[in-house]
N, C-alpha and C. Protein backbone atom coordinates (compact mmCIF):
# COMPACT_ATOMS: atom_id res chain seq x y z
N MET A 1 -25.85 -34.39 9.13
CA MET A 1 -25.86 -33.37 8.25
C MET A 1 -24.41 -32.59 8.42
N SER A 2 -23.79 -32.33 7.29
CA SER A 2 -22.68 -31.46 7.11
C SER A 2 -23.09 -30.15 6.69
N PHE A 3 -22.84 -29.08 7.45
CA PHE A 3 -23.23 -27.85 7.34
C PHE A 3 -21.89 -26.91 7.26
N ALA A 4 -22.14 -26.03 6.33
CA ALA A 4 -21.02 -25.03 5.98
C ALA A 4 -21.35 -23.51 6.10
N SER A 5 -20.52 -22.76 6.82
CA SER A 5 -21.13 -21.35 6.76
C SER A 5 -20.75 -20.65 5.63
N ALA A 6 -21.42 -19.41 5.34
CA ALA A 6 -21.29 -18.60 4.13
C ALA A 6 -19.92 -17.97 4.16
N ARG A 7 -19.29 -18.03 3.09
CA ARG A 7 -17.87 -17.24 3.11
C ARG A 7 -18.27 -15.94 2.73
N PHE A 8 -19.15 -15.57 1.80
CA PHE A 8 -19.55 -14.44 1.32
C PHE A 8 -20.80 -13.85 1.89
N ARG A 9 -20.83 -12.47 1.81
CA ARG A 9 -22.08 -11.82 2.09
C ARG A 9 -22.91 -11.09 1.13
N LYS A 10 -24.23 -10.89 1.21
CA LYS A 10 -25.17 -10.48 0.54
C LYS A 10 -24.56 -8.76 0.25
N GLY A 11 -24.68 -8.70 -1.11
CA GLY A 11 -24.25 -7.03 -1.45
C GLY A 11 -22.57 -7.19 -1.74
N GLN A 12 -22.04 -8.22 -1.55
CA GLN A 12 -20.49 -8.06 -1.60
C GLN A 12 -20.06 -8.29 -3.14
N LYS A 13 -19.48 -7.23 -3.61
CA LYS A 13 -18.82 -7.36 -4.90
C LYS A 13 -17.79 -8.33 -4.86
N VAL A 14 -17.76 -9.32 -5.89
CA VAL A 14 -17.03 -10.60 -6.08
C VAL A 14 -16.64 -10.68 -7.81
N LEU A 15 -15.88 -11.64 -7.63
CA LEU A 15 -15.69 -12.12 -9.05
C LEU A 15 -16.27 -13.53 -9.27
N CYS A 16 -16.78 -13.90 -10.47
CA CYS A 16 -17.44 -15.10 -10.54
C CYS A 16 -16.97 -15.77 -11.80
N TYR A 17 -16.84 -16.98 -11.62
CA TYR A 17 -16.33 -17.95 -12.85
C TYR A 17 -17.67 -17.84 -13.92
N GLU A 18 -17.45 -18.08 -15.12
CA GLU A 18 -18.74 -18.35 -15.99
C GLU A 18 -19.38 -19.73 -15.57
N PRO A 19 -20.82 -19.56 -14.98
CA PRO A 19 -21.37 -20.69 -14.65
C PRO A 19 -21.84 -21.69 -15.52
N ASP A 20 -21.86 -21.58 -16.82
CA ASP A 20 -22.23 -22.52 -17.71
C ASP A 20 -20.99 -23.01 -18.37
N PRO A 21 -20.95 -24.29 -18.11
CA PRO A 21 -19.58 -25.09 -18.48
C PRO A 21 -19.25 -25.36 -19.99
N SER A 22 -20.44 -25.09 -20.71
CA SER A 22 -20.23 -25.36 -22.14
C SER A 22 -19.88 -24.05 -22.77
N LYS A 23 -19.56 -23.09 -22.06
CA LYS A 23 -18.95 -21.79 -22.45
C LYS A 23 -17.42 -21.63 -22.34
N GLN A 24 -17.03 -20.64 -22.78
CA GLN A 24 -15.49 -20.19 -22.55
C GLN A 24 -15.19 -20.04 -21.17
N PRO A 25 -14.26 -20.58 -20.47
CA PRO A 25 -14.18 -20.09 -19.03
C PRO A 25 -13.49 -18.73 -18.93
N VAL A 26 -14.23 -18.07 -18.30
CA VAL A 26 -13.85 -16.34 -18.00
C VAL A 26 -14.28 -16.25 -16.78
N ILE A 27 -13.85 -14.82 -16.30
CA ILE A 27 -14.34 -14.51 -14.94
C ILE A 27 -14.86 -13.21 -14.90
N TYR A 28 -16.09 -13.14 -14.40
CA TYR A 28 -16.83 -11.83 -14.42
C TYR A 28 -16.93 -11.31 -13.32
N HIS A 29 -16.88 -9.52 -13.21
CA HIS A 29 -17.18 -8.70 -12.18
C HIS A 29 -18.72 -9.01 -11.92
N SER A 30 -18.97 -9.33 -10.44
CA SER A 30 -20.25 -9.65 -10.21
C SER A 30 -20.75 -9.25 -8.71
N GLU A 31 -22.04 -9.34 -8.50
CA GLU A 31 -22.44 -8.84 -6.92
C GLU A 31 -23.25 -10.12 -6.49
N ILE A 32 -22.98 -10.28 -5.01
CA ILE A 32 -23.95 -11.27 -4.48
C ILE A 32 -25.40 -10.78 -4.22
N LYS A 33 -26.52 -11.25 -4.61
CA LYS A 33 -27.63 -10.72 -4.43
C LYS A 33 -28.43 -11.33 -3.31
N ASP A 34 -28.08 -12.45 -3.07
CA ASP A 34 -28.97 -13.47 -1.97
C ASP A 34 -28.24 -14.53 -1.80
N ILE A 35 -28.37 -15.27 -0.75
CA ILE A 35 -27.62 -16.53 -0.28
C ILE A 35 -28.83 -17.45 0.39
N LYS A 36 -28.53 -18.75 -0.25
CA LYS A 36 -29.55 -19.80 0.37
C LYS A 36 -28.67 -21.06 0.57
N PHE A 37 -29.01 -21.67 1.70
CA PHE A 37 -28.33 -22.95 2.27
C PHE A 37 -29.12 -24.14 1.52
N GLN A 38 -28.51 -24.91 0.84
CA GLN A 38 -29.00 -26.10 0.21
C GLN A 38 -28.54 -27.26 0.16
N ASP A 39 -29.17 -28.42 0.08
CA ASP A 39 -28.56 -29.78 -0.07
C ASP A 39 -28.14 -30.11 -0.96
N ILE A 40 -26.64 -30.00 -1.31
CA ILE A 40 -25.99 -30.16 -2.65
C ILE A 40 -25.48 -31.82 -3.04
N SER A 41 -25.88 -32.57 -1.94
CA SER A 41 -25.33 -33.85 -2.04
C SER A 41 -25.74 -34.69 -3.33
N LYS A 42 -27.10 -34.11 -3.95
CA LYS A 42 -27.27 -34.81 -5.09
C LYS A 42 -26.52 -34.41 -6.26
N LEU A 43 -25.74 -33.23 -6.15
CA LEU A 43 -24.82 -32.61 -7.29
C LEU A 43 -23.61 -33.30 -7.20
N LEU A 44 -23.21 -33.91 -6.10
CA LEU A 44 -22.06 -34.44 -6.08
C LEU A 44 -21.62 -35.95 -6.47
N ASP A 45 -20.48 -36.18 -7.06
CA ASP A 45 -20.26 -37.57 -7.45
C ASP A 45 -20.08 -38.44 -5.88
N LYS A 46 -20.55 -39.63 -5.86
CA LYS A 46 -20.80 -40.57 -4.71
C LYS A 46 -19.26 -40.52 -3.60
N GLU A 47 -18.28 -40.53 -4.25
CA GLU A 47 -17.12 -40.60 -3.48
C GLU A 47 -17.13 -39.23 -2.52
N THR A 48 -17.11 -38.09 -3.28
CA THR A 48 -17.16 -36.62 -2.59
C THR A 48 -18.16 -36.65 -1.66
N CYS A 49 -19.55 -37.04 -2.02
CA CYS A 49 -20.59 -36.92 -0.96
C CYS A 49 -20.24 -37.80 0.03
N ASP A 50 -19.93 -39.02 0.09
CA ASP A 50 -19.60 -40.06 1.29
C ASP A 50 -18.39 -39.28 2.06
N TYR A 51 -17.41 -38.70 1.44
CA TYR A 51 -16.31 -38.05 2.36
C TYR A 51 -16.86 -36.77 2.88
N LEU A 52 -17.70 -36.06 2.45
CA LEU A 52 -18.36 -34.83 3.22
C LEU A 52 -19.55 -35.16 4.07
N THR A 53 -20.35 -36.17 3.77
CA THR A 53 -21.34 -36.37 4.72
C THR A 53 -20.88 -37.33 5.84
N LYS A 54 -19.93 -38.24 5.58
CA LYS A 54 -19.53 -39.21 6.60
C LYS A 54 -20.87 -39.94 7.18
N ASP A 55 -21.40 -39.56 8.40
CA ASP A 55 -22.41 -40.36 8.97
C ASP A 55 -23.72 -39.77 8.56
N THR A 56 -24.03 -38.89 7.58
CA THR A 56 -25.18 -38.37 7.52
C THR A 56 -25.56 -38.17 6.01
N ASP A 57 -26.90 -37.93 5.43
CA ASP A 57 -27.17 -38.05 3.98
C ASP A 57 -27.24 -37.03 3.38
N THR A 58 -26.82 -35.65 4.13
CA THR A 58 -26.99 -34.40 3.37
C THR A 58 -25.84 -33.65 3.37
N VAL A 59 -25.60 -32.65 2.43
CA VAL A 59 -24.50 -31.70 2.59
C VAL A 59 -24.99 -30.42 2.41
N ILE A 60 -25.07 -29.57 3.28
CA ILE A 60 -25.86 -28.24 3.31
C ILE A 60 -24.61 -27.34 3.09
N GLN A 61 -24.80 -26.57 2.09
CA GLN A 61 -23.72 -25.68 1.48
C GLN A 61 -24.59 -24.17 1.16
N PRO A 62 -23.75 -23.28 1.36
CA PRO A 62 -24.40 -21.95 0.73
C PRO A 62 -24.39 -21.97 -0.92
N THR A 63 -25.63 -21.44 -1.63
CA THR A 63 -25.40 -21.24 -2.65
C THR A 63 -25.82 -19.72 -2.90
N TYR A 64 -25.20 -18.84 -4.08
CA TYR A 64 -25.30 -17.51 -4.02
C TYR A 64 -25.92 -17.03 -5.43
N LEU A 65 -26.73 -16.29 -5.03
CA LEU A 65 -27.53 -15.59 -6.50
C LEU A 65 -26.55 -14.66 -6.78
N ILE A 66 -26.09 -14.69 -7.97
CA ILE A 66 -24.82 -13.80 -8.68
C ILE A 66 -25.55 -12.95 -9.48
N HIS A 67 -25.52 -11.61 -9.44
CA HIS A 67 -25.87 -10.70 -10.47
C HIS A 67 -24.46 -10.20 -11.29
N PHE A 68 -24.66 -10.22 -12.45
CA PHE A 68 -23.59 -9.34 -13.42
C PHE A 68 -23.89 -8.02 -13.76
N PRO A 69 -23.30 -7.12 -13.22
CA PRO A 69 -23.44 -5.71 -13.69
C PRO A 69 -23.62 -5.60 -15.30
N GLY A 70 -24.40 -4.87 -15.59
CA GLY A 70 -24.64 -4.56 -17.07
C GLY A 70 -25.52 -5.47 -17.73
N TRP A 71 -25.85 -6.65 -17.08
CA TRP A 71 -26.80 -7.60 -17.45
C TRP A 71 -28.22 -7.49 -16.91
N GLY A 72 -29.34 -7.73 -17.32
CA GLY A 72 -30.63 -7.71 -16.61
C GLY A 72 -30.63 -8.80 -15.82
N PRO A 73 -31.65 -8.80 -14.88
CA PRO A 73 -31.94 -9.69 -13.76
C PRO A 73 -32.15 -11.30 -14.30
N ARG A 74 -32.55 -11.20 -15.55
CA ARG A 74 -32.84 -12.63 -16.12
C ARG A 74 -31.50 -13.48 -16.23
N TYR A 75 -30.36 -12.72 -16.07
CA TYR A 75 -28.94 -13.47 -16.27
C TYR A 75 -28.45 -13.71 -15.07
N ASP A 76 -29.11 -13.43 -13.97
CA ASP A 76 -28.72 -13.78 -12.59
C ASP A 76 -28.80 -15.38 -12.48
N ARG A 77 -27.58 -15.74 -11.80
CA ARG A 77 -27.39 -17.26 -11.71
C ARG A 77 -27.12 -17.81 -10.23
N TRP A 78 -27.69 -19.03 -9.65
CA TRP A 78 -27.30 -19.61 -8.68
C TRP A 78 -26.09 -20.35 -8.90
N VAL A 79 -25.01 -20.05 -7.99
CA VAL A 79 -23.85 -20.67 -8.11
C VAL A 79 -23.28 -21.23 -6.67
N THR A 80 -22.46 -22.20 -6.67
CA THR A 80 -21.97 -22.52 -5.53
C THR A 80 -20.57 -21.98 -5.20
N GLU A 81 -20.23 -21.89 -4.03
CA GLU A 81 -18.83 -21.15 -3.60
C GLU A 81 -17.83 -21.34 -4.51
N ASP A 82 -17.50 -22.45 -5.01
CA ASP A 82 -16.23 -22.85 -5.91
C ASP A 82 -16.13 -22.02 -7.04
N LEU A 83 -17.37 -21.31 -7.40
CA LEU A 83 -17.31 -20.68 -8.55
C LEU A 83 -17.01 -18.92 -8.22
N ILE A 84 -16.77 -18.59 -7.06
CA ILE A 84 -16.79 -17.24 -6.59
C ILE A 84 -15.41 -17.09 -6.04
N LEU A 85 -14.81 -15.76 -6.41
CA LEU A 85 -13.49 -15.33 -6.03
C LEU A 85 -13.66 -14.12 -5.17
N ASP A 86 -12.87 -13.72 -4.31
CA ASP A 86 -12.74 -12.46 -3.51
C ASP A 86 -12.27 -11.55 -4.66
N LEU A 87 -12.41 -10.01 -4.48
CA LEU A 87 -12.06 -9.08 -5.29
C LEU A 87 -10.73 -8.87 -4.77
N SER A 88 -9.71 -9.45 -5.24
CA SER A 88 -8.31 -9.22 -4.85
C SER A 88 -7.35 -9.13 -5.92
N ASP A 89 -5.99 -8.85 -5.67
CA ASP A 89 -5.06 -8.57 -6.81
C ASP A 89 -4.82 -9.82 -7.44
N GLU A 90 -4.73 -10.82 -6.55
CA GLU A 90 -4.64 -12.42 -7.31
C GLU A 90 -5.82 -12.75 -8.20
N SER A 91 -6.85 -12.51 -7.55
CA SER A 91 -8.00 -12.89 -8.46
C SER A 91 -8.18 -11.96 -9.87
N LEU A 92 -7.78 -10.73 -9.73
CA LEU A 92 -8.01 -9.94 -10.90
C LEU A 92 -6.87 -10.26 -11.84
N LYS A 93 -5.82 -10.70 -11.60
CA LYS A 93 -4.60 -11.24 -12.30
C LYS A 93 -5.19 -12.55 -13.02
N LYS A 94 -5.86 -13.40 -12.30
CA LYS A 94 -6.45 -14.67 -13.04
C LYS A 94 -7.34 -14.27 -13.96
N LYS A 95 -8.37 -13.28 -13.64
CA LYS A 95 -9.31 -12.72 -14.69
C LYS A 95 -8.61 -12.21 -15.79
N LYS A 96 -7.65 -11.31 -15.75
CA LYS A 96 -7.01 -11.11 -16.83
C LYS A 96 -6.33 -11.88 -17.65
N GLU A 97 -5.60 -13.08 -17.22
CA GLU A 97 -5.05 -14.30 -17.99
C GLU A 97 -6.16 -14.93 -18.65
N LEU A 98 -7.55 -15.31 -17.98
CA LEU A 98 -8.25 -16.01 -18.53
C LEU A 98 -9.21 -14.90 -19.78
N ASP A 99 -9.19 -13.66 -19.71
CA ASP A 99 -9.73 -12.76 -20.64
C ASP A 99 -8.86 -12.79 -21.86
N GLU A 100 -7.49 -12.95 -21.78
CA GLU A 100 -6.56 -12.86 -22.78
C GLU A 100 -6.70 -14.29 -23.49
N LYS A 101 -6.79 -15.37 -22.78
CA LYS A 101 -6.95 -16.58 -23.71
C LYS A 101 -8.33 -16.53 -24.39
N ALA A 102 -9.31 -16.04 -23.73
CA ALA A 102 -10.59 -15.82 -24.39
C ALA A 102 -10.67 -15.40 -25.66
N LEU A 103 -9.70 -14.05 -25.79
CA LEU A 103 -9.84 -13.26 -26.78
C LEU A 103 -8.83 -13.96 -27.91
N VAL A 104 -7.95 -14.66 -27.46
CA VAL A 104 -7.12 -15.49 -28.51
C VAL A 104 -7.99 -16.80 -29.23
N ASN A 105 -8.77 -17.44 -28.17
CA ASN A 105 -9.67 -18.24 -28.72
C ASN A 105 -10.85 -17.83 -29.76
N GLN A 106 -10.94 -16.53 -29.17
CA GLN A 106 -12.15 -15.87 -30.11
C GLN A 106 -11.75 -15.52 -31.51
N GLN A 107 -10.57 -15.21 -31.53
CA GLN A 107 -9.74 -14.55 -32.69
C GLN A 107 -9.47 -15.92 -33.79
N LYS A 108 -9.16 -17.22 -33.11
CA LYS A 108 -9.02 -18.31 -33.96
C LYS A 108 -10.17 -18.77 -34.37
N GLN A 109 -11.22 -18.75 -33.52
CA GLN A 109 -12.81 -19.23 -34.08
C GLN A 109 -13.11 -18.36 -35.27
N THR A 110 -12.73 -17.06 -35.15
CA THR A 110 -13.10 -15.99 -36.13
C THR A 110 -12.25 -16.50 -37.56
N ARG A 111 -11.02 -16.79 -37.56
CA ARG A 111 -10.33 -17.16 -38.63
C ARG A 111 -10.93 -18.50 -39.11
N LYS A 112 -11.20 -19.54 -38.35
CA LYS A 112 -11.72 -20.57 -38.95
C LYS A 112 -12.94 -20.34 -39.66
N ARG A 113 -13.84 -19.73 -39.03
CA ARG A 113 -15.28 -19.29 -39.90
C ARG A 113 -14.97 -18.77 -41.06
N LYS A 114 -13.82 -17.60 -41.14
CA LYS A 114 -13.64 -17.11 -42.54
C LYS A 114 -13.17 -17.99 -43.33
N THR A 115 -12.37 -19.07 -42.93
CA THR A 115 -11.83 -20.08 -43.91
C THR A 115 -12.78 -21.04 -44.35
N VAL A 116 -13.62 -21.57 -43.62
CA VAL A 116 -14.87 -22.46 -43.79
C VAL A 116 -15.73 -21.61 -45.04
N ASN A 117 -16.09 -20.48 -44.62
CA ASN A 117 -17.07 -19.68 -45.57
C ASN A 117 -16.22 -19.49 -46.80
N LYS A 118 -15.02 -19.06 -46.92
CA LYS A 118 -14.23 -18.95 -48.20
C LYS A 118 -14.09 -20.32 -48.85
N ASN A 119 -14.02 -21.40 -48.32
CA ASN A 119 -13.80 -22.63 -48.97
C ASN A 119 -15.28 -23.07 -49.39
N SER A 120 -16.44 -23.00 -48.74
CA SER A 120 -17.69 -23.45 -49.09
C SER A 120 -18.12 -22.55 -50.20
N GLY A 121 -17.54 -21.35 -50.39
CA GLY A 121 -18.10 -20.67 -51.64
C GLY A 121 -17.33 -21.09 -52.80
N ASN A 122 -16.16 -21.44 -52.57
CA ASN A 122 -15.42 -22.30 -53.97
C ASN A 122 -16.05 -23.33 -54.34
N GLN A 123 -16.53 -24.11 -53.50
CA GLN A 123 -17.06 -25.43 -53.75
C GLN A 123 -18.60 -25.13 -54.43
N ARG A 124 -19.09 -23.99 -54.01
CA ARG A 124 -20.53 -23.80 -54.87
C ARG A 124 -20.09 -23.40 -56.06
N ARG A 125 -19.05 -22.52 -56.28
CA ARG A 125 -18.80 -22.11 -57.64
C ARG A 125 -18.25 -23.20 -58.65
N MET A 126 -17.65 -24.24 -57.99
CA MET A 126 -17.08 -25.25 -58.83
C MET A 126 -18.27 -26.25 -59.09
N ILE A 127 -19.05 -26.47 -58.39
CA ILE A 127 -20.42 -27.22 -58.47
C ILE A 127 -21.27 -26.65 -59.69
N SER A 128 -21.54 -25.04 -59.56
CA SER A 128 -22.47 -24.59 -60.45
C SER A 128 -21.79 -24.41 -62.05
N THR A 129 -20.47 -24.72 -62.13
CA THR A 129 -20.05 -24.48 -63.40
C THR A 129 -20.08 -25.48 -64.29
């Protein structure tokens, strides 16, 4: 069994990447509400799992219950350590960079929607006349 110790502690203020991979990659201010040690070997690809387990079948890693301030508890998520950053100047700089990229992408999406809506209205007018 490969066993790792927890890098963060309960109640610690941290930054956390958006845990949903289908959403825009951003970093949120967050707080660790709970820590649980779990076997994550089934979540890893075979090569990584073989590397980490060597002579064992399991990889025990800490998972963290993350709370996002301003959001209700139903939005709390269990995440692995790789999605969590210390609250440091370097991490805050990374957050700012991702926030700026997200804003630019959001503005592009808004422009695309306006163009699509404008064009679809023209098509309807041409069809109805």
